């Protein structure tokens, strides 16, 4: 595989790592969290989590899948790029 593929995967991995860290910190834990600082803890519905929390969950899962795909892609690239010993 070409070298630009590895650089693209590394940049994507760094970006998704930072975004995933931010998204995880925004989740509300047992005692609140950083999401309550931005108004996420103010609105709560009787059915469970609010729409904002559900969207935050979806974004976190999506970024996590991209992060995992970058790691798998880099692993495959390394396996193909390095000669077999």
PDB file of N, CA and C in Angstrom:
ATOM      1  N   UNK A   1       0.840  -1.178   0.000  1.00  0.00           N
ATOM      2  CA  UNK A   1       0.000   0.000   0.000  1.00  0.00           C
ATOM      3  C   UNK A   1       0.888   1.245   0.000  1.00  0.00           C
ATOM      4  N   UNK A   2       0.383   2.339  -0.553  1.00  0.00           N
ATOM      5  CA  UNK A   2       1.201   3.562  -0.631  1.00  0.00           C
ATOM      6  C   UNK A   2       1.402   4.202   0.741  1.00  0.00           C
ATOM      7  N   UNK A   3       2.426   5.032   0.808  1.00  0.00           N
ATOM      8  CA  UNK A   3       2.785   5.683   2.064  1.00  0.00           C
ATOM      9  C   UNK A   3       1.739   6.703   2.497  1.00  0.00           C
ATOM     10  N   UNK A   4       1.049   7.342   1.554  1.00  0.00           N
ATOM     11  CA  UNK A   4       0.041   8.336   1.910  1.00  0.00           C
ATOM     12  C   UNK A   4      -1.091   7.714   2.710  1.00  0.00           C
ATOM     13  N   UNK A   5      -1.346   6.423   2.524  1.00  0.00           N
ATOM     14  CA  UNK A   5      -2.390   5.730   3.274  1.00  0.00           C
ATOM     15  C   UNK A   5      -2.048   5.718   4.760  1.00  0.00           C
ATOM     16  N   UNK A   6      -0.783   5.438   5.075  1.00  0.00           N
ATOM     17  CA  UNK A   6      -0.358   5.405   6.474  1.00  0.00           C
ATOM     18  C   UNK A   6      -0.462   6.779   7.109  1.00  0.00           C
ATOM     19  N   UNK A   7      -0.038   7.812   6.381  1.00  0.00           N
ATOM     20  CA  UNK A   7      -0.121   9.164   6.927  1.00  0.00           C
ATOM     21  C   UNK A   7      -1.574   9.595   7.140  1.00  0.00           C
ATOM     22  N   UNK A   8      -2.435   9.232   6.228  1.00  0.00           N
ATOM     23  CA  UNK A   8      -3.860   9.538   6.371  1.00  0.00           C
ATOM     24  C   UNK A   8      -4.442   8.834   7.592  1.00  0.00           C
ATOM     25  N   UNK A   9      -4.089   7.570   7.771  1.00  0.00           N
ATOM     26  CA  UNK A   9      -4.587   6.814   8.923  1.00  0.00           C
ATOM     27  C   UNK A   9      -4.065   7.393  10.238  1.00  0.00           C
ATOM     28  N   UNK A  10      -2.816   7.828  10.259  1.00  0.00           N
ATOM     29  CA  UNK A  10      -2.246   8.391  11.483  1.00  0.00           C
ATOM     30  C   UNK A  10      -2.924   9.711  11.836  1.00  0.00           C
ATOM     31  N   UNK A  11      -3.141  10.564  10.841  1.00  0.00           N
ATOM     32  CA  UNK A  11      -3.817  11.839  11.097  1.00  0.00           C
ATOM     33  C   UNK A  11      -5.247  11.584  11.571  1.00  0.00           C
ATOM     34  N   UNK A  12      -5.951  10.671  10.915  1.00  0.00           N
ATOM     35  CA  UNK A  12      -7.310  10.329  11.327  1.00  0.00           C
ATOM     36  C   UNK A  12      -7.339   9.752  12.736  1.00  0.00           C
ATOM     37  N   UNK A  13      -6.352   8.933  13.068  1.00  0.00           N
ATOM     38  CA  UNK A  13      -6.278   8.326  14.391  1.00  0.00           C
ATOM     39  C   UNK A  13      -6.069   9.381  15.467  1.00  0.00           C
ATOM     40  N   UNK A  14      -5.198  10.336  15.216  1.00  0.00           N
ATOM     41  CA  UNK A  14      -4.956  11.400  16.198  1.00  0.00           C
ATOM     42  C   UNK A  14      -6.203  12.257  16.372  1.00  0.00           C
ATOM     43  N   UNK A  15      -6.837  12.644  15.270  1.00  0.00           N
ATOM     44  CA  UNK A  15      -8.033  13.473  15.352  1.00  0.00           C
ATOM     45  C   UNK A  15      -9.177  12.763  16.060  1.00  0.00           C
ATOM     46  N   UNK A  16      -9.415  11.498  15.696  1.00  0.00           N
ATOM     47  CA  UNK A  16     -10.507  10.769  16.344  1.00  0.00           C
ATOM     48  C   UNK A  16     -10.204  10.483  17.810  1.00  0.00           C
ATOM     49  N   UNK A  17      -8.941  10.318  18.159  1.00  0.00           N
ATOM     50  CA  UNK A  17      -8.586  10.118  19.570  1.00  0.00           C
ATOM     51  C   UNK A  17      -8.934  11.355  20.393  1.00  0.00           C
ATOM     52  N   UNK A  18      -8.610  12.523  19.862  1.00  0.00           N
ATOM     53  CA  UNK A  18      -8.926  13.769  20.569  1.00  0.00           C
ATOM     54  C   UNK A  18     -10.432  13.992  20.672  1.00  0.00           C
ATOM     55  N   UNK A  19     -11.144  13.760  19.578  1.00  0.00           N
ATOM     56  CA  UNK A  19     -12.596  13.952  19.584  1.00  0.00           C
ATOM     57  C   UNK A  19     -13.265  12.932  20.491  1.00  0.00           C
ATOM     58  N   UNK A  20     -12.792  11.692  20.471  1.00  0.00           N
ATOM     59  CA  UNK A  20     -13.373  10.663  21.323  1.00  0.00           C
ATOM     60  C   UNK A  20     -13.148  10.981  22.800  1.00  0.00           C
ATOM     61  N   UNK A  21     -11.984  11.493  23.135  1.00  0.00           N
ATOM     62  CA  UNK A  21     -11.716  11.895  24.518  1.00  0.00           C
ATOM     63  C   UNK A  21     -12.675  13.003  24.951  1.00  0.00           C
ATOM     64  N   UNK A  22     -12.876  13.988  24.089  1.00  0.00           N
ATOM     65  CA  UNK A  22     -13.791  15.082  24.396  1.00  0.00           C
ATOM     66  C   UNK A  22     -15.223  14.578  24.557  1.00  0.00           C
ATOM     67  N   UNK A  23     -15.660  13.712  23.656  1.00  0.00           N
ATOM     68  CA  UNK A  23     -17.024  13.191  23.727  1.00  0.00           C
ATOM     69  C   UNK A  23     -17.248  12.360  24.982  1.00  0.00           C
ATOM     70  N   UNK A  24     -16.262  11.573  25.371  1.00  0.00           N
ATOM     71  CA  UNK A  24     -16.403  10.764  26.584  1.00  0.00           C
ATOM     72  C   UNK A  24     -16.473  11.662  27.816  1.00  0.00           C
ATOM     73  N   UNK A  25     -15.685  12.728  27.830  1.00  0.00           N
ATOM     74  CA  UNK A  25     -15.731  13.654  28.957  1.00  0.00           C
ATOM     75  C   UNK A  25     -17.056  14.403  29.038  1.00  0.00           C
ATOM     76  N   UNK A  26     -17.737  14.565  27.925  1.00  0.00           N
ATOM     77  CA  UNK A  26     -19.024  15.263  27.926  1.00  0.00           C
ATOM     78  C   UNK A  26     -20.169  14.407  28.463  1.00  0.00           C
ATOM     79  N   UNK A  27     -19.986  13.092  28.528  1.00  0.00           N
ATOM     80  CA  UNK A  27     -21.043  12.224  29.036  1.00  0.00           C
ATOM     81  C   UNK A  27     -21.284  12.474  30.513  1.00  0.00           C
ATOM     82  N   UNK A  28     -22.534  12.290  30.890  1.00  0.00           N
ATOM     83  CA  UNK A  28     -22.901  12.474  32.283  1.00  0.00           C
ATOM     84  C   UNK A  28     -22.752  11.151  33.013  1.00  0.00           C
ATOM     85  N   UNK A  29     -22.029  11.167  34.078  1.00  0.00           N
ATOM     86  CA  UNK A  29     -21.846   9.979  34.890  1.00  0.00           C
ATOM     87  C   UNK A  29     -22.886   9.918  35.992  1.00  0.00           C
ATOM     88  N   UNK A  30     -22.557   9.229  37.061  1.00  0.00           N
ATOM     89  CA  UNK A  30     -23.490   9.116  38.180  1.00  0.00           C
ATOM     90  C   UNK A  30     -23.720  10.455  38.857  1.00  0.00           C
ATOM     91  N   UNK A  31     -22.678  11.214  39.058  1.00  0.00           N
ATOM     92  CA  UNK A  31     -22.795  12.469  39.774  1.00  0.00           C
ATOM     93  C   UNK A  31     -22.795  13.678  38.873  1.00  0.00           C
ATOM     94  N   UNK A  32     -23.216  13.555  37.652  1.00  0.00           N
ATOM     95  CA  UNK A  32     -23.142  14.653  36.702  1.00  0.00           C
ATOM     96  C   UNK A  32     -21.890  14.491  35.870  1.00  0.00           C
ATOM     97  N   UNK A  33     -21.383  15.523  35.350  1.00  0.00           N
ATOM     98  CA  UNK A  33     -20.186  15.464  34.533  1.00  0.00           C
ATOM     99  C   UNK A  33     -19.983  16.777  33.840  1.00  0.00           C
ATOM    100  N   UNK A  34     -19.107  16.767  32.870  1.00  0.00           N
ATOM    101  CA  UNK A  34     -18.863  18.003  32.144  1.00  0.00           C
ATOM    102  C   UNK A  34     -20.065  18.397  31.303  1.00  0.00           C
ATOM    103  N   UNK A  35     -20.928  17.425  30.981  1.00  0.00           N
ATOM    104  CA  UNK A  35     -22.112  17.764  30.189  1.00  0.00           C
ATOM    105  C   UNK A  35     -23.062  18.657  30.981  1.00  0.00           C
ATOM    106  N   UNK A  36     -23.077  18.527  32.306  1.00  0.00           N
ATOM    107  CA  UNK A  36     -23.949  19.384  33.108  1.00  0.00           C
ATOM    108  C   UNK A  36     -23.445  20.819  33.132  1.00  0.00           C
ATOM    109  N   UNK A  37     -22.157  21.026  32.861  1.00  0.00           N
ATOM    110  CA  UNK A  37     -21.626  22.380  32.805  1.00  0.00           C
ATOM    111  C   UNK A  37     -22.191  23.152  31.618  1.00  0.00           C
ATOM    112  N   UNK A  38     -22.533  22.438  30.557  1.00  0.00           N
ATOM    113  CA  UNK A  38     -23.015  23.080  29.340  1.00  0.00           C
ATOM    114  C   UNK A  38     -24.526  23.006  29.210  1.00  0.00           C
ATOM    115  N   UNK A  39     -25.223  22.705  30.284  1.00  0.00           N
ATOM    116  CA  UNK A  39     -26.678  22.695  30.247  1.00  0.00           C
ATOM    117  C   UNK A  39     -27.278  21.347  29.959  1.00  0.00           C
ATOM    118  N   UNK A  40     -26.488  20.313  29.812  1.00  0.00           N
ATOM    119  CA  UNK A  40     -27.037  18.983  29.535  1.00  0.00           C
ATOM    120  C   UNK A  40     -27.723  18.376  30.735  1.00  0.00           C
ATOM    121  N   UNK A  41     -27.334  18.786  31.944  1.00  0.00           N
ATOM    122  CA  UNK A  41     -27.931  18.232  33.147  1.00  0.00           C
ATOM    123  C   UNK A  41     -29.200  18.941  33.564  1.00  0.00           C
ATOM    124  N   UNK A  42     -29.525  20.062  32.939  1.00  0.00           N
ATOM    125  CA  UNK A  42     -30.689  20.844  33.329  1.00  0.00           C
ATOM    126  C   UNK A  42     -31.968  20.185  32.825  1.00  0.00           C
ATOM    127  N   UNK A  43     -31.968  19.716  31.587  1.00  0.00           N
ATOM    128  CA  UNK A  43     -33.173  19.123  31.017  1.00  0.00           C
ATOM    129  C   UNK A  43     -33.103  17.613  31.132  1.00  0.00           C
ATOM    130  N   UNK A  44     -34.114  17.048  31.737  1.00  0.00           N
ATOM    131  CA  UNK A  44     -34.201  15.592  31.818  1.00  0.00           C
ATOM    132  C   UNK A  44     -35.644  15.194  31.618  1.00  0.00           C
ATOM    133  N   UNK A  45     -35.858  14.156  30.857  1.00  0.00           N
ATOM    134  CA  UNK A  45     -37.214  13.698  30.602  1.00  0.00           C
ATOM    135  C   UNK A  45     -37.526  12.515  31.507  1.00  0.00           C
ATOM    136  N   UNK A  46     -38.786  12.176  31.606  1.00  0.00           N
ATOM    137  CA  UNK A  46     -39.197  11.071  32.463  1.00  0.00           C
ATOM    138  C   UNK A  46     -38.897   9.722  31.836  1.00  0.00           C
ATOM    139  N   UNK A  47     -38.742   9.669  30.525  1.00  0.00           N
ATOM    140  CA  UNK A  47     -38.519   8.405  29.828  1.00  0.00           C
ATOM    141  C   UNK A  47     -37.061   7.960  29.884  1.00  0.00           C
ATOM    142  N   UNK A  48     -36.178   8.773  30.385  1.00  0.00           N
ATOM    143  CA  UNK A  48     -34.770   8.401  30.431  1.00  0.00           C
ATOM    144  C   UNK A  48     -33.906   9.569  30.028  1.00  0.00           C
ATOM    145  N   UNK A  49     -32.952   9.289  29.154  1.00  0.00           N
ATOM    146  CA  UNK A  49     -32.032  10.344  28.760  1.00  0.00           C
ATOM    147  C   UNK A  49     -32.672  11.280  27.745  1.00  0.00           C
ATOM    148  N   UNK A  50     -32.135  12.468  27.683  1.00  0.00           N
ATOM    149  CA  UNK A  50     -32.675  13.473  26.783  1.00  0.00           C
ATOM    150  C   UNK A  50     -32.186  13.227  25.358  1.00  0.00           C
ATOM    151  N   UNK A  51     -32.693  14.025  24.447  1.00  0.00           N
ATOM    152  CA  UNK A  51     -32.297  13.916  23.044  1.00  0.00           C
ATOM    153  C   UNK A  51     -30.827  14.258  22.887  1.00  0.00           C
ATOM    154  N   UNK A  52     -30.357  15.234  23.660  1.00  0.00           N
ATOM    155  CA  UNK A  52     -28.947  15.620  23.574  1.00  0.00           C
ATOM    156  C   UNK A  52     -28.041  14.466  24.007  1.00  0.00           C
ATOM    157  N   UNK A  53     -28.428  13.747  25.057  1.00  0.00           N
ATOM    158  CA  UNK A  53     -27.632  12.613  25.520  1.00  0.00           C
ATOM    159  C   UNK A  53     -27.647  11.481  24.498  1.00  0.00           C
ATOM    160  N   UNK A  54     -28.789  11.248  23.867  1.00  0.00           N
ATOM    161  CA  UNK A  54     -28.872  10.198  22.844  1.00  0.00           C
ATOM    162  C   UNK A  54     -27.994  10.540  21.647  1.00  0.00           C
ATOM    163  N   UNK A  55     -28.018  11.810  21.237  1.00  0.00           N
ATOM    164  CA  UNK A  55     -27.158  12.226  20.127  1.00  0.00           C
ATOM    165  C   UNK A  55     -25.691  12.142  20.505  1.00  0.00           C
ATOM    166  N   UNK A  56     -25.365  12.495  21.738  1.00  0.00           N
ATOM    167  CA  UNK A  56     -23.988  12.387  22.212  1.00  0.00           C
ATOM    168  C   UNK A  56     -23.536  10.928  22.201  1.00  0.00           C
ATOM    169  N   UNK A  57     -24.437  10.016  22.581  1.00  0.00           N
ATOM    170  CA  UNK A  57     -24.121   8.584  22.519  1.00  0.00           C
ATOM    171  C   UNK A  57     -23.861   8.139  21.087  1.00  0.00           C
ATOM    172  N   UNK A  58     -24.694   8.587  20.164  1.00  0.00           N
ATOM    173  CA  UNK A  58     -24.527   8.209  18.750  1.00  0.00           C
ATOM    174  C   UNK A  58     -23.206   8.723  18.190  1.00  0.00           C
ATOM    175  N   UNK A  59     -22.880   9.967  18.489  1.00  0.00           N
ATOM    176  CA  UNK A  59     -21.621  10.536  18.001  1.00  0.00           C
ATOM    177  C   UNK A  59     -20.419   9.810  18.592  1.00  0.00           C
ATOM    178  N   UNK A  60     -20.519   9.454  19.866  1.00  0.00           N
ATOM    179  CA  UNK A  60     -19.421   8.747  20.513  1.00  0.00           C
ATOM    180  C   UNK A  60     -19.206   7.376  19.877  1.00  0.00           C
ATOM    181  N   UNK A  61     -20.287   6.664  19.608  1.00  0.00           N
ATOM    182  CA  UNK A  61     -20.172   5.354  18.966  1.00  0.00           C
ATOM    183  C   UNK A  61     -19.611   5.493  17.557  1.00  0.00           C
ATOM    184  N   UNK A  62     -20.085   6.480  16.812  1.00  0.00           N
ATOM    185  CA  UNK A  62     -19.605   6.682  15.442  1.00  0.00           C
ATOM    186  C   UNK A  62     -18.110   7.006  15.412  1.00  0.00           C
ATOM    187  N   UNK A  63     -17.672   7.907  16.277  1.00  0.00           N
ATOM    188  CA  UNK A  63     -16.250   8.252  16.321  1.00  0.00           C
ATOM    189  C   UNK A  63     -15.432   7.063  16.810  1.00  0.00           C
ATOM    190  N   UNK A  64     -15.984   6.276  17.727  1.00  0.00           N
ATOM    191  CA  UNK A  64     -15.297   5.070  18.191  1.00  0.00           C
ATOM    192  C   UNK A  64     -15.111   4.048  17.092  1.00  0.00           C
ATOM    193  N   UNK A  65     -16.100   3.908  16.224  1.00  0.00           N
ATOM    194  CA  UNK A  65     -15.992   2.976  15.095  1.00  0.00           C
ATOM    195  C   UNK A  65     -14.926   3.451  14.114  1.00  0.00           C
ATOM    196  N   UNK A  66     -14.896   4.759  13.832  1.00  0.00           N
ATOM    197  CA  UNK A  66     -13.866   5.299  12.939  1.00  0.00           C
ATOM    198  C   UNK A  66     -12.480   5.114  13.548  1.00  0.00           C
ATOM    199  N   UNK A  67     -12.362   5.350  14.868  1.00  0.00           N
ATOM    200  CA  UNK A  67     -11.097   5.162  15.583  1.00  0.00           C
ATOM    201  C   UNK A  67     -10.623   3.716  15.478  1.00  0.00           C
ATOM    202  N   UNK A  68     -11.532   2.785  15.692  1.00  0.00           N
ATOM    203  CA  UNK A  68     -11.190   1.361  15.600  1.00  0.00           C
ATOM    204  C   UNK A  68     -10.789   0.980  14.180  1.00  0.00           C
ATOM    205  N   UNK A  69     -11.494   1.525  13.182  1.00  0.00           N
ATOM    206  CA  UNK A  69     -11.157   1.242  11.784  1.00  0.00           C
ATOM    207  C   UNK A  69      -9.771   1.779  11.435  1.00  0.00           C
ATOM    208  N   UNK A  70      -9.398   2.917  11.999  1.00  0.00           N
ATOM    209  CA  UNK A  70      -8.055   3.460  11.762  1.00  0.00           C
ATOM    210  C   UNK A  70      -6.993   2.536  12.346  1.00  0.00           C
ATOM    211  N   UNK A  71      -7.242   1.996  13.517  1.00  0.00           N
ATOM    212  CA  UNK A  71      -6.264   1.094  14.130  1.00  0.00           C
ATOM    213  C   UNK A  71      -6.134  -0.187  13.315  1.00  0.00           C
ATOM    214  N   UNK A  72      -7.256  -0.736  12.875  1.00  0.00           N
ATOM    215  CA  UNK A  72      -7.209  -1.940  12.050  1.00  0.00           C
ATOM    216  C   UNK A  72      -6.518  -1.650  10.724  1.00  0.00           C
ATOM    217  N   UNK A  73      -6.820  -0.497  10.113  1.00  0.00           N
ATOM    218  CA  UNK A  73      -6.189  -0.122   8.851  1.00  0.00           C
ATOM    219  C   UNK A  73      -4.685   0.040   8.981  1.00  0.00           C
ATOM    220  N   UNK A  74      -4.245   0.666  10.068  1.00  0.00           N
ATOM    221  CA  UNK A  74      -2.808   0.812  10.284  1.00  0.00           C
ATOM    222  C   UNK A  74      -2.136  -0.542  10.524  1.00  0.00           C
ATOM    223  N   UNK A  75      -2.822  -1.414  11.246  1.00  0.00           N
ATOM    224  CA  UNK A  75      -2.274  -2.758  11.476  1.00  0.00           C
ATOM    225  C   UNK A  75      -2.129  -3.545  10.192  1.00  0.00           C
ATOM    226  N   UNK A  76      -3.141  -3.467   9.347  1.00  0.00           N
ATOM    227  CA  UNK A  76      -3.055  -4.160   8.050  1.00  0.00           C
ATOM    228  C   UNK A  76      -1.972  -3.561   7.175  1.00  0.00           C
ATOM    229  N   UNK A  77      -1.854  -2.234   7.197  1.00  0.00           N
ATOM    230  CA  UNK A  77      -0.818  -1.585   6.399  1.00  0.00           C
ATOM    231  C   UNK A  77       0.565  -2.008   6.868  1.00  0.00           C
ATOM    232  N   UNK A  78       0.774  -2.057   8.186  1.00  0.00           N
ATOM    233  CA  UNK A  78       2.066  -2.486   8.712  1.00  0.00           C
ATOM    234  C   UNK A  78       2.363  -3.934   8.351  1.00  0.00           C
ATOM    235  N   UNK A  79       1.355  -4.769   8.381  1.00  0.00           N
ATOM    236  CA  UNK A  79       1.562  -6.178   8.035  1.00  0.00           C
ATOM    237  C   UNK A  79       1.961  -6.335   6.566  1.00  0.00           C
ATOM    238  N   UNK A  80       1.339  -5.532   5.699  1.00  0.00           N
ATOM    239  CA  UNK A  80       1.664  -5.629   4.278  1.00  0.00           C
ATOM    240  C   UNK A  80       2.943  -4.882   3.909  1.00  0.00           C
ATOM    241  N   UNK A  81       3.256  -3.823   4.653  1.00  0.00           N
ATOM    242  CA  UNK A  81       4.414  -2.990   4.313  1.00  0.00           C
ATOM    243  C   UNK A  81       5.724  -3.621   4.774  1.00  0.00           C
ATOM    244  N   UNK A  82       5.718  -4.303   5.919  1.00  0.00           N
ATOM    245  CA  UNK A  82       6.937  -4.914   6.425  1.00  0.00           C
ATOM    246  C   UNK A  82       7.160  -6.266   5.771  1.00  0.00           C
ATOM    247  N   UNK A  83       8.391  -6.561   5.407  1.00  0.00           N
ATOM    248  CA  UNK A  83       8.649  -7.867   4.790  1.00  0.00           C
ATOM    249  C   UNK A  83       8.489  -8.996   5.790  1.00  0.00           C
ATOM    250  N   UNK A  84       8.061 -10.138   5.321  1.00  0.00           N
ATOM    251  CA  UNK A  84       7.869 -11.302   6.184  1.00  0.00           C
ATOM    252  C   UNK A  84       9.221 -11.824   6.622  1.00  0.00           C
ATOM    253  N   UNK A  85       9.331 -12.146   7.906  1.00  0.00           N
ATOM    254  CA  UNK A  85      10.606 -12.637   8.410  1.00  0.00           C
ATOM    255  C   UNK A  85      10.545 -14.119   8.724  1.00  0.00           C
TER     256      UNK A  85
END
